[in-house]
All heavy atoms as atom14 arrays in JSON, in Angstrom:
{
  "sequence": "MIIRIQTPTMTAGQLHDIYIMQVREEFEHNISQQIYVSEDLWRY",
  "atom14_mask": [
    [1, 1, 1, 1, 1, 1, 1, 1, 0, 0, 0, 0, 0, 0],
    [1, 1, 1, 1, 1, 1, 1, 1, 0, 0, 0, 0, 0, 0],
    [1, 1, 1, 1, 1, 1, 1, 1, 0, 0, 0, 0, 0, 0],
    [1, 1, 1, 1, 1, 1, 1, 1, 1, 1, 1, 0, 0, 0],
    [1, 1, 1, 1, 1, 1, 1, 1, 0, 0, 0, 0, 0, 0],
    [1, 1, 1, 1, 1, 1, 1, 1, 1, 0, 0, 0, 0, 0],
    [1, 1, 1, 1, 1, 1, 1, 0, 0, 0, 0, 0, 0, 0],
    [1, 1, 1, 1, 1, 1, 1, 0, 0, 0, 0, 0, 0, 0],
    [1, 1, 1, 1, 1, 1, 1, 0, 0, 0, 0, 0, 0, 0],
    [1, 1, 1, 1, 1, 1, 1, 1, 0, 0, 0, 0, 0, 0],
    [1, 1, 1, 1, 1, 1, 1, 0, 0, 0, 0, 0, 0, 0],
    [1, 1, 1, 1, 1, 0, 0, 0, 0, 0, 0, 0, 0, 0],
    [1, 1, 1, 1, 0, 0, 0, 0, 0, 0, 0, 0, 0, 0],
    [1, 1, 1, 1, 1, 1, 1, 1, 1, 0, 0, 0, 0, 0],
    [1, 1, 1, 1, 1, 1, 1, 1, 0, 0, 0, 0, 0, 0],
    [1, 1, 1, 1, 1, 1, 1, 1, 1, 1, 0, 0, 0, 0],
    [1, 1, 1, 1, 1, 1, 1, 1, 0, 0, 0, 0, 0, 0],
    [1, 1, 1, 1, 1, 1, 1, 1, 0, 0, 0, 0, 0, 0],
    [1, 1, 1, 1, 1, 1, 1, 1, 1, 1, 1, 1, 0, 0],
    [1, 1, 1, 1, 1, 1, 1, 1, 0, 0, 0, 0, 0, 0],
    [1, 1, 1, 1, 1, 1, 1, 1, 0, 0, 0, 0, 0, 0],
    [1, 1, 1, 1, 1, 1, 1, 1, 1, 0, 0, 0, 0, 0],
    [1, 1, 1, 1, 1, 1, 1, 0, 0, 0, 0, 0, 0, 0],
    [1, 1, 1, 1, 1, 1, 1, 1, 1, 1, 1, 0, 0, 0],
    [1, 1, 1, 1, 1, 1, 1, 1, 1, 0, 0, 0, 0, 0],
    [1, 1, 1, 1, 1, 1, 1, 1, 1, 0, 0, 0, 0, 0],
    [1, 1, 1, 1, 1, 1, 1, 1, 1, 1, 1, 0, 0, 0],
    [1, 1, 1, 1, 1, 1, 1, 1, 1, 0, 0, 0, 0, 0],
    [1, 1, 1, 1, 1, 1, 1, 1, 1, 1, 0, 0, 0, 0],
    [1, 1, 1, 1, 1, 1, 1, 1, 0, 0, 0, 0, 0, 0],
    [1, 1, 1, 1, 1, 1, 1, 1, 0, 0, 0, 0, 0, 0],
    [1, 1, 1, 1, 1, 1, 0, 0, 0, 0, 0, 0, 0, 0],
    [1, 1, 1, 1, 1, 1, 1, 1, 1, 0, 0, 0, 0, 0],
    [1, 1, 1, 1, 1, 1, 1, 1, 1, 0, 0, 0, 0, 0],
    [1, 1, 1, 1, 1, 1, 1, 1, 0, 0, 0, 0, 0, 0],
    [1, 1, 1, 1, 1, 1, 1, 1, 1, 1, 1, 1, 0, 0],
    [1, 1, 1, 1, 1, 1, 1, 0, 0, 0, 0, 0, 0, 0],
    [1, 1, 1, 1, 1, 1, 0, 0, 0, 0, 0, 0, 0, 0],
    [1, 1, 1, 1, 1, 1, 1, 1, 1, 0, 0, 0, 0, 0],
    [1, 1, 1, 1, 1, 1, 1, 1, 0, 0, 0, 0, 0, 0],
    [1, 1, 1, 1, 1, 1, 1, 1, 0, 0, 0, 0, 0, 0],
    [1, 1, 1, 1, 1, 1, 1, 1, 1, 1, 1, 1, 1, 1],
    [1, 1, 1, 1, 1, 1, 1, 1, 1, 1, 1, 0, 0, 0],
    [1, 1, 1, 1, 1, 1, 1, 1, 1, 1, 1, 1, 0, 0]
  ],
  "atom14_positions": [
    [[-14.72, 185.66, 136.13], [-15.62, 186.79, 136.39], [-14.85, 188.09, 136.62], [-15.23, 189.13, 136.09], [-16.5, 186.47, 137.61], [-17.55, 187.5, 137.89], [-18.87, 187.62, 136.66], [-19.87, 186.24, 137.1], [0.0, 0.0, 0.0], [0.0, 0.0, 0.0], [0.0, 0.0, 0.0], [0.0, 0.0, 0.0], [0.0, 0.0, 0.0], [0.0, 0.0, 0.0]],
    [[-13.8, 188.03, 137.38], [-13.05, 189.26, 137.71], [-12.46, 189.89, 136.46], [-12.51, 191.1, 136.28], [-11.98, 188.97, 138.79], [-12.68, 188.73, 140.13], [-10.97, 190.1, 138.9], [-11.79, 188.25, 141.24], [0.0, 0.0, 0.0], [0.0, 0.0, 0.0], [0.0, 0.0, 0.0], [0.0, 0.0, 0.0], [0.0, 0.0, 0.0], [0.0, 0.0, 0.0]],
    [[-11.94, 189.06, 135.58], [-11.35, 189.58, 134.34], [-12.41, 190.31, 133.52], [-12.14, 191.35, 132.93], [-10.71, 188.44, 133.52], [-9.47, 187.93, 134.24], [-10.39, 188.89, 132.11], [-8.88, 186.67, 133.64], [0.0, 0.0, 0.0], [0.0, 0.0, 0.0], [0.0, 0.0, 0.0], [0.0, 0.0, 0.0], [0.0, 0.0, 0.0], [0.0, 0.0, 0.0]],
    [[-13.62, 189.78, 133.49], [-14.69, 190.39, 132.69], [-15.25, 191.67, 133.28], [-15.63, 192.57, 132.54], [-15.84, 189.39, 132.51], [-15.63, 188.39, 131.43], [-16.91, 187.69, 130.99], [-17.87, 187.41, 132.04], [-17.85, 186.35, 132.84], [-16.89, 185.46, 132.71], [-18.78, 186.16, 133.75], [0.0, 0.0, 0.0], [0.0, 0.0, 0.0], [0.0, 0.0, 0.0]],
    [[-15.34, 191.75, 134.6], [-16.09, 192.88, 135.17], [-15.24, 193.98, 135.79], [-15.72, 195.1, 135.93], [-17.13, 192.39, 136.2], [-16.47, 191.76, 137.42], [-18.13, 191.48, 135.56], [-17.45, 191.38, 138.52], [0.0, 0.0, 0.0], [0.0, 0.0, 0.0], [0.0, 0.0, 0.0], [0.0, 0.0, 0.0], [0.0, 0.0, 0.0], [0.0, 0.0, 0.0]],
    [[-14.03, 193.69, 136.15], [-13.22, 194.69, 136.85], [-12.69, 195.76, 135.9], [-12.22, 195.45, 134.81], [-12.05, 194.03, 137.58], [-11.25, 195.02, 138.4], [-10.17, 194.33, 139.2], [-10.37, 193.21, 139.66], [-9.06, 194.99, 139.38], [0.0, 0.0, 0.0], [0.0, 0.0, 0.0], [0.0, 0.0, 0.0], [0.0, 0.0, 0.0], [0.0, 0.0, 0.0]],
    [[-12.77, 197.02, 136.36], [-12.19, 198.14, 135.62], [-11.21, 198.85, 136.55], [-11.3, 198.74, 137.77], [-13.28, 199.14, 135.16], [-13.93, 199.68, 136.31], [-14.29, 198.48, 134.25], [0.0, 0.0, 0.0], [0.0, 0.0, 0.0], [0.0, 0.0, 0.0], [0.0, 0.0, 0.0], [0.0, 0.0, 0.0], [0.0, 0.0, 0.0], [0.0, 0.0, 0.0]],
    [[-10.26, 199.6, 136.01], [-9.24, 200.24, 136.84], [-9.79, 201.24, 137.86], [-9.21, 201.42, 138.93], [-8.34, 200.96, 135.83], [-8.58, 200.27, 134.54], [-9.98, 199.76, 134.58], [0.0, 0.0, 0.0], [0.0, 0.0, 0.0], [0.0, 0.0, 0.0], [0.0, 0.0, 0.0], [0.0, 0.0, 0.0], [0.0, 0.0, 0.0], [0.0, 0.0, 0.0]],
    [[-10.89, 201.88, 137.57], [-11.41, 202.91, 138.48], [-12.41, 202.36, 139.49], [-12.91, 203.09, 140.33], [-12.11, 204.02, 137.66], [-13.19, 203.43, 136.92], [-11.13, 204.71, 136.73], [0.0, 0.0, 0.0], [0.0, 0.0, 0.0], [0.0, 0.0, 0.0], [0.0, 0.0, 0.0], [0.0, 0.0, 0.0], [0.0, 0.0, 0.0], [0.0, 0.0, 0.0]],
    [[-12.66, 201.09, 139.46], [-13.68, 200.47, 140.31], [-13.17, 200.32, 141.74], [-12.0, 200.04, 141.97], [-14.01, 199.09, 139.71], [-15.19, 198.4, 140.3], [-15.48, 196.81, 139.47], [-16.31, 197.35, 137.99], [0.0, 0.0, 0.0], [0.0, 0.0, 0.0], [0.0, 0.0, 0.0], [0.0, 0.0, 0.0], [0.0, 0.0, 0.0], [0.0, 0.0, 0.0]],
    [[-14.09, 200.48, 142.7], [-13.76, 200.24, 144.11], [-14.12, 198.8, 144.47], [-14.84, 198.12, 143.73], [-14.53, 201.18, 145.04], [-15.93, 200.87, 144.95], [-14.26, 202.65, 144.71], [0.0, 0.0, 0.0], [0.0, 0.0, 0.0], [0.0, 0.0, 0.0], [0.0, 0.0, 0.0], [0.0, 0.0, 0.0], [0.0, 0.0, 0.0], [0.0, 0.0, 0.0]],
    [[-13.63, 198.37, 145.62], [-13.93, 197.01, 146.08], [-15.43, 196.82, 146.28], [-15.98, 195.77, 145.95], [-13.19, 196.72, 147.38], [0.0, 0.0, 0.0], [0.0, 0.0, 0.0], [0.0, 0.0, 0.0], [0.0, 0.0, 0.0], [0.0, 0.0, 0.0], [0.0, 0.0, 0.0], [0.0, 0.0, 0.0], [0.0, 0.0, 0.0], [0.0, 0.0, 0.0]],
    [[-16.11, 197.84, 146.8], [-17.55, 197.76, 147.0], [-18.29, 197.61, 145.68], [-19.24, 196.82, 145.57], [0.0, 0.0, 0.0], [0.0, 0.0, 0.0], [0.0, 0.0, 0.0], [0.0, 0.0, 0.0], [0.0, 0.0, 0.0], [0.0, 0.0, 0.0], [0.0, 0.0, 0.0], [0.0, 0.0, 0.0], [0.0, 0.0, 0.0], [0.0, 0.0, 0.0]],
    [[-17.84, 198.34, 144.67], [-18.47, 198.24, 143.35], [-18.23, 196.86, 142.74], [-19.14, 196.25, 142.16], [-17.93, 199.32, 142.43], [-18.36, 200.72, 142.79], [-17.61, 201.77, 141.99], [-16.43, 201.59, 141.63], [-18.29, 202.88, 141.72], [0.0, 0.0, 0.0], [0.0, 0.0, 0.0], [0.0, 0.0, 0.0], [0.0, 0.0, 0.0], [0.0, 0.0, 0.0]],
    [[-17.0, 196.37, 142.87], [-16.68, 195.04, 142.35], [-17.55, 193.98, 143.02], [-18.11, 193.12, 142.35], [-15.2, 194.72, 142.56], [-14.76, 193.32, 142.1], [-14.93, 193.16, 140.6], [-13.33, 193.04, 142.52], [0.0, 0.0, 0.0], [0.0, 0.0, 0.0], [0.0, 0.0, 0.0], [0.0, 0.0, 0.0], [0.0, 0.0, 0.0], [0.0, 0.0, 0.0]],
    [[-17.67, 194.08, 144.33], [-18.5, 193.13, 145.07], [-19.94, 193.16, 144.57], [-20.52, 192.11, 144.27], [-18.45, 193.45, 146.57], [-19.42, 192.66, 147.38], [-20.6, 193.2, 147.84], [-19.41, 191.36, 147.78], [-21.27, 192.29, 148.5], [-20.58, 191.16, 148.48], [0.0, 0.0, 0.0], [0.0, 0.0, 0.0], [0.0, 0.0, 0.0], [0.0, 0.0, 0.0]],
    [[-20.51, 194.34, 144.48], [-21.91, 194.47, 144.05], [-22.11, 193.94, 142.63], [-23.08, 193.21, 142.36], [-22.36, 195.94, 144.11], [-22.43, 196.46, 145.53], [-22.45, 195.63, 146.49], [-22.44, 197.7, 145.71], [0.0, 0.0, 0.0], [0.0, 0.0, 0.0], [0.0, 0.0, 0.0], [0.0, 0.0, 0.0], [0.0, 0.0, 0.0], [0.0, 0.0, 0.0]],
    [[-21.22, 194.29, 141.73], [-21.36, 193.84, 140.34], [-21.15, 192.33, 140.23], [-21.87, 191.64, 139.5], [-20.39, 194.61, 139.42], [-20.84, 196.07, 139.33], [-20.34, 193.99, 138.03], [-19.87, 196.98, 138.61], [0.0, 0.0, 0.0], [0.0, 0.0, 0.0], [0.0, 0.0, 0.0], [0.0, 0.0, 0.0], [0.0, 0.0, 0.0], [0.0, 0.0, 0.0]],
    [[-20.19, 191.8, 140.98], [-19.94, 190.35, 140.96], [-21.19, 189.6, 141.4], [-21.64, 188.67, 140.72], [-18.77, 190.02, 141.88], [-18.15, 188.66, 141.64], [-16.8, 188.52, 141.39], [-18.91, 187.49, 141.67], [-16.23, 187.27, 141.17], [-18.35, 186.25, 141.47], [-17.01, 186.15, 141.22], [-16.46, 184.91, 141.01], [0.0, 0.0, 0.0], [0.0, 0.0, 0.0]],
    [[-21.77, 190.01, 142.53], [-22.96, 189.35, 143.04], [-24.1, 189.45, 142.02], [-24.79, 188.47, 141.74], [-23.39, 189.99, 144.39], [-22.31, 189.78, 145.46], [-24.74, 189.44, 144.86], [-22.03, 188.35, 145.83], [0.0, 0.0, 0.0], [0.0, 0.0, 0.0], [0.0, 0.0, 0.0], [0.0, 0.0, 0.0], [0.0, 0.0, 0.0], [0.0, 0.0, 0.0]],
    [[-24.28, 190.64, 141.46], [-25.34, 190.86, 140.48], [-25.13, 189.98, 139.24], [-26.07, 189.36, 138.73], [-25.38, 192.33, 140.07], [-26.49, 192.67, 139.09], [-26.43, 194.37, 138.54], [-24.92, 194.37, 137.56], [0.0, 0.0, 0.0], [0.0, 0.0, 0.0], [0.0, 0.0, 0.0], [0.0, 0.0, 0.0], [0.0, 0.0, 0.0], [0.0, 0.0, 0.0]],
    [[-23.9, 189.89, 138.77], [-23.6, 189.1, 137.57], [-23.86, 187.61, 137.81], [-24.41, 186.93, 136.93], [-22.15, 189.31, 137.13], [-21.87, 190.66, 136.54], [-22.49, 190.79, 135.16], [-22.37, 189.9, 134.32], [-23.16, 191.89, 134.93], [0.0, 0.0, 0.0], [0.0, 0.0, 0.0], [0.0, 0.0, 0.0], [0.0, 0.0, 0.0], [0.0, 0.0, 0.0]],
    [[-23.47, 187.1, 138.97], [-23.7, 185.69, 139.27], [-25.19, 185.4, 139.29], [-25.66, 184.41, 138.71], [-23.05, 185.28, 140.61], [-23.49, 183.9, 141.04], [-21.53, 185.33, 140.5], [0.0, 0.0, 0.0], [0.0, 0.0, 0.0], [0.0, 0.0, 0.0], [0.0, 0.0, 0.0], [0.0, 0.0, 0.0], [0.0, 0.0, 0.0], [0.0, 0.0, 0.0]],
    [[-25.94, 186.28, 139.93], [-27.4, 186.08, 139.99], [-28.04, 186.17, 138.61], [-28.94, 185.4, 138.28], [-28.02, 187.09, 140.94], [-27.7, 186.77, 142.39], [-28.37, 187.69, 143.35], [-28.07, 187.26, 144.71], [-27.89, 188.08, 145.72], [-28.01, 189.38, 145.55], [-27.63, 187.6, 146.92], [0.0, 0.0, 0.0], [0.0, 0.0, 0.0], [0.0, 0.0, 0.0]],
    [[-27.58, 187.1, 137.79], [-28.12, 187.23, 136.43], [-27.8, 186.0, 135.6], [-28.64, 185.5, 134.85], [-27.59, 188.49, 135.75], [-28.25, 189.75, 136.21], [-27.68, 191.0, 135.54], [-26.85, 190.87, 134.61], [-28.06, 192.1, 135.96], [0.0, 0.0, 0.0], [0.0, 0.0, 0.0], [0.0, 0.0, 0.0], [0.0, 0.0, 0.0], [0.0, 0.0, 0.0]],
    [[-26.56, 185.54, 135.71], [-26.16, 184.32, 134.96], [-27.03, 183.14, 135.39], [-27.48, 182.35, 134.56], [-24.7, 183.98, 135.23], [-23.7, 184.91, 134.6], [-23.39, 184.55, 133.16], [-23.71, 183.44, 132.72], [-22.81, 185.41, 132.48], [0.0, 0.0, 0.0], [0.0, 0.0, 0.0], [0.0, 0.0, 0.0], [0.0, 0.0, 0.0], [0.0, 0.0, 0.0]],
    [[-27.27, 183.02, 136.69], [-28.09, 181.93, 137.2], [-29.52, 182.04, 136.68], [-30.08, 181.06, 136.2], [-28.08, 181.93, 138.73], [-28.89, 180.82, 139.33], [-28.42, 179.52, 139.34], [-30.14, 181.08, 139.87], [-29.18, 178.49, 139.88], [-30.9, 180.06, 140.42], [-30.42, 178.77, 140.42], [0.0, 0.0, 0.0], [0.0, 0.0, 0.0], [0.0, 0.0, 0.0]],
    [[-30.1, 183.22, 136.78], [-31.47, 183.42, 136.32], [-31.59, 183.16, 134.82], [-32.61, 182.65, 134.36], [-31.95, 184.84, 136.65], [-32.19, 185.03, 138.13], [-32.45, 186.47, 138.52], [-32.6, 187.33, 137.62], [-32.5, 186.74, 139.73], [0.0, 0.0, 0.0], [0.0, 0.0, 0.0], [0.0, 0.0, 0.0], [0.0, 0.0, 0.0], [0.0, 0.0, 0.0]],
    [[-30.55, 183.48, 134.08], [-30.55, 183.24, 132.64], [-30.6, 181.74, 132.33], [-31.1, 181.33, 131.28], [-29.32, 183.9, 132.01], [-29.23, 183.74, 130.54], [-30.07, 184.39, 129.66], [-28.41, 182.98, 129.78], [-29.75, 184.04, 128.43], [-28.76, 183.18, 128.46], [0.0, 0.0, 0.0], [0.0, 0.0, 0.0], [0.0, 0.0, 0.0], [0.0, 0.0, 0.0]],
    [[-30.05, 180.93, 133.23], [-29.96, 179.49, 132.99], [-30.92, 178.66, 133.84], [-30.85, 177.43, 133.82], [-28.52, 179.02, 133.24], [-27.59, 179.53, 132.18], [-27.68, 179.12, 131.04], [-26.72, 180.45, 132.54], [0.0, 0.0, 0.0], [0.0, 0.0, 0.0], [0.0, 0.0, 0.0], [0.0, 0.0, 0.0], [0.0, 0.0, 0.0], [0.0, 0.0, 0.0]],
    [[-31.79, 179.3, 134.56], [-32.66, 178.57, 135.5], [-33.58, 177.57, 134.8], [-33.92, 176.54, 135.36], [-33.45, 179.56, 136.39], [-33.9, 178.85, 137.65], [-34.6, 180.18, 135.64], [-34.33, 179.8, 138.74], [0.0, 0.0, 0.0], [0.0, 0.0, 0.0], [0.0, 0.0, 0.0], [0.0, 0.0, 0.0], [0.0, 0.0, 0.0], [0.0, 0.0, 0.0]],
    [[-33.96, 177.85, 133.58], [-34.86, 176.93, 132.88], [-34.19, 175.6, 132.52], [-34.88, 174.63, 132.2], [-35.39, 177.59, 131.6], [-34.34, 177.84, 130.7], [0.0, 0.0, 0.0], [0.0, 0.0, 0.0], [0.0, 0.0, 0.0], [0.0, 0.0, 0.0], [0.0, 0.0, 0.0], [0.0, 0.0, 0.0], [0.0, 0.0, 0.0], [0.0, 0.0, 0.0]],
    [[-32.89, 175.54, 132.6], [-32.18, 174.3, 132.25], [-32.42, 173.18, 133.26], [-32.15, 172.02, 132.97], [-30.68, 174.57, 132.12], [-30.32, 175.63, 131.12], [-30.97, 175.43, 129.76], [-30.91, 174.36, 129.18], [-31.61, 176.47, 129.26], [0.0, 0.0, 0.0], [0.0, 0.0, 0.0], [0.0, 0.0, 0.0], [0.0, 0.0, 0.0], [0.0, 0.0, 0.0]],
    [[-32.96, 173.54, 134.41], [-33.19, 172.53, 135.45], [-34.16, 171.45, 135.0], [-34.12, 170.33, 135.52], [-33.67, 173.18, 136.74], [-35.05, 173.79, 136.67], [-35.44, 174.46, 137.95], [-35.46, 173.8, 138.99], [-35.73, 175.74, 137.91], [0.0, 0.0, 0.0], [0.0, 0.0, 0.0], [0.0, 0.0, 0.0], [0.0, 0.0, 0.0], [0.0, 0.0, 0.0]],
    [[-35.02, 171.74, 134.04], [-35.99, 170.72, 133.62], [-35.34, 169.61, 132.78], [-35.94, 168.57, 132.58], [-37.19, 171.34, 132.85], [-36.74, 172.02, 131.57], [-37.95, 172.29, 133.73], [-37.89, 172.53, 130.7], [0.0, 0.0, 0.0], [0.0, 0.0, 0.0], [0.0, 0.0, 0.0], [0.0, 0.0, 0.0], [0.0, 0.0, 0.0], [0.0, 0.0, 0.0]],
    [[-34.12, 169.84, 132.32], [-33.45, 168.86, 131.46], [-32.39, 168.04, 132.2], [-31.84, 167.11, 131.62], [-32.78, 169.56, 130.28], [-33.75, 170.29, 129.4], [-33.78, 171.68, 129.37], [-34.66, 169.6, 128.6], [-34.68, 172.36, 128.57], [-35.57, 170.28, 127.8], [-35.57, 171.66, 127.79], [-36.46, 172.33, 127.0], [0.0, 0.0, 0.0], [0.0, 0.0, 0.0]],
    [[-32.08, 168.41, 133.44], [-31.03, 167.7, 134.18], [-31.62, 167.06, 135.42], [-32.73, 167.37, 135.83], [-29.87, 168.67, 134.54], [-29.22, 169.23, 133.29], [-30.32, 169.78, 135.47], [0.0, 0.0, 0.0], [0.0, 0.0, 0.0], [0.0, 0.0, 0.0], [0.0, 0.0, 0.0], [0.0, 0.0, 0.0], [0.0, 0.0, 0.0], [0.0, 0.0, 0.0]],
    [[-30.83, 166.2, 136.05], [-31.32, 165.5, 137.24], [-31.45, 166.47, 138.41], [-30.81, 167.52, 138.45], [-30.34, 164.38, 137.61], [-29.14, 164.93, 138.12], [0.0, 0.0, 0.0], [0.0, 0.0, 0.0], [0.0, 0.0, 0.0], [0.0, 0.0, 0.0], [0.0, 0.0, 0.0], [0.0, 0.0, 0.0], [0.0, 0.0, 0.0], [0.0, 0.0, 0.0]],
    [[-32.26, 166.07, 139.36], [-32.43, 166.88, 140.57], [-31.12, 167.0, 141.34], [-30.83, 168.06, 141.89], [-33.51, 166.28, 141.47], [-34.91, 166.44, 140.92], [-35.95, 165.83, 141.84], [-35.74, 165.79, 143.07], [-36.99, 165.39, 141.31], [0.0, 0.0, 0.0], [0.0, 0.0, 0.0], [0.0, 0.0, 0.0], [0.0, 0.0, 0.0], [0.0, 0.0, 0.0]],
    [[-30.34, 165.93, 141.35], [-29.05, 165.97, 142.06], [-28.12, 167.01, 141.43], [-27.49, 167.79, 142.14], [-28.38, 164.6, 142.04], [-29.08, 163.6, 142.94], [-29.8, 164.03, 143.86], [-28.91, 162.38, 142.71], [0.0, 0.0, 0.0], [0.0, 0.0, 0.0], [0.0, 0.0, 0.0], [0.0, 0.0, 0.0], [0.0, 0.0, 0.0], [0.0, 0.0, 0.0]],
    [[-28.04, 167.01, 140.11], [-27.18, 167.98, 139.44], [-27.68, 169.4, 139.72], [-26.88, 170.3, 139.99], [-27.1, 167.74, 137.94], [-26.3, 168.78, 137.16], [-24.86, 168.89, 137.67], [-26.33, 168.49, 135.67], [0.0, 0.0, 0.0], [0.0, 0.0, 0.0], [0.0, 0.0, 0.0], [0.0, 0.0, 0.0], [0.0, 0.0, 0.0], [0.0, 0.0, 0.0]],
    [[-28.98, 169.59, 139.65], [-29.5, 170.94, 139.89], [-29.17, 171.39, 141.31], [-28.85, 172.56, 141.54], [-31.0, 171.0, 139.61], [-31.48, 172.41, 139.69], [-32.29, 172.96, 140.62], [-31.12, 173.48, 138.8], [-32.46, 174.29, 140.38], [-31.76, 174.64, 139.26], [-30.32, 173.56, 137.67], [-31.63, 175.87, 138.64], [-30.19, 174.79, 137.04], [-30.83, 175.92, 137.52]],
    [[-29.24, 170.48, 142.28], [-28.86, 170.84, 143.66], [-27.38, 171.26, 143.71], [-27.02, 172.2, 144.41], [-29.14, 169.69, 144.61], [-30.58, 169.62, 145.06], [-30.75, 168.68, 146.24], [-30.66, 167.29, 145.88], [-31.67, 166.56, 145.42], [-32.85, 167.1, 145.28], [-31.51, 165.3, 145.12], [0.0, 0.0, 0.0], [0.0, 0.0, 0.0], [0.0, 0.0, 0.0]],
    [[-26.53, 170.56, 142.98], [-25.12, 170.94, 142.91], [-24.96, 172.34, 142.31], [-24.15, 173.14, 142.77], [-24.32, 169.94, 142.06], [-23.69, 168.82, 142.84], [-24.32, 167.58, 142.92], [-22.47, 168.97, 143.47], [-23.75, 166.53, 143.62], [-21.89, 167.93, 144.18], [-22.54, 166.72, 144.25], [-21.97, 165.69, 144.94], [0.0, 0.0, 0.0], [0.0, 0.0, 0.0]]
  ]
}
């Protein structure tokens, strides 16, 4: 994640905010996959 999102002019606060946002977006993008996997895996 850091390699993809970090830029030289970015501050730590910006990196933090973008990292959190990217993780949540990635998760939301894949949330529908839960119907194809076990409940245990989805909890993981």
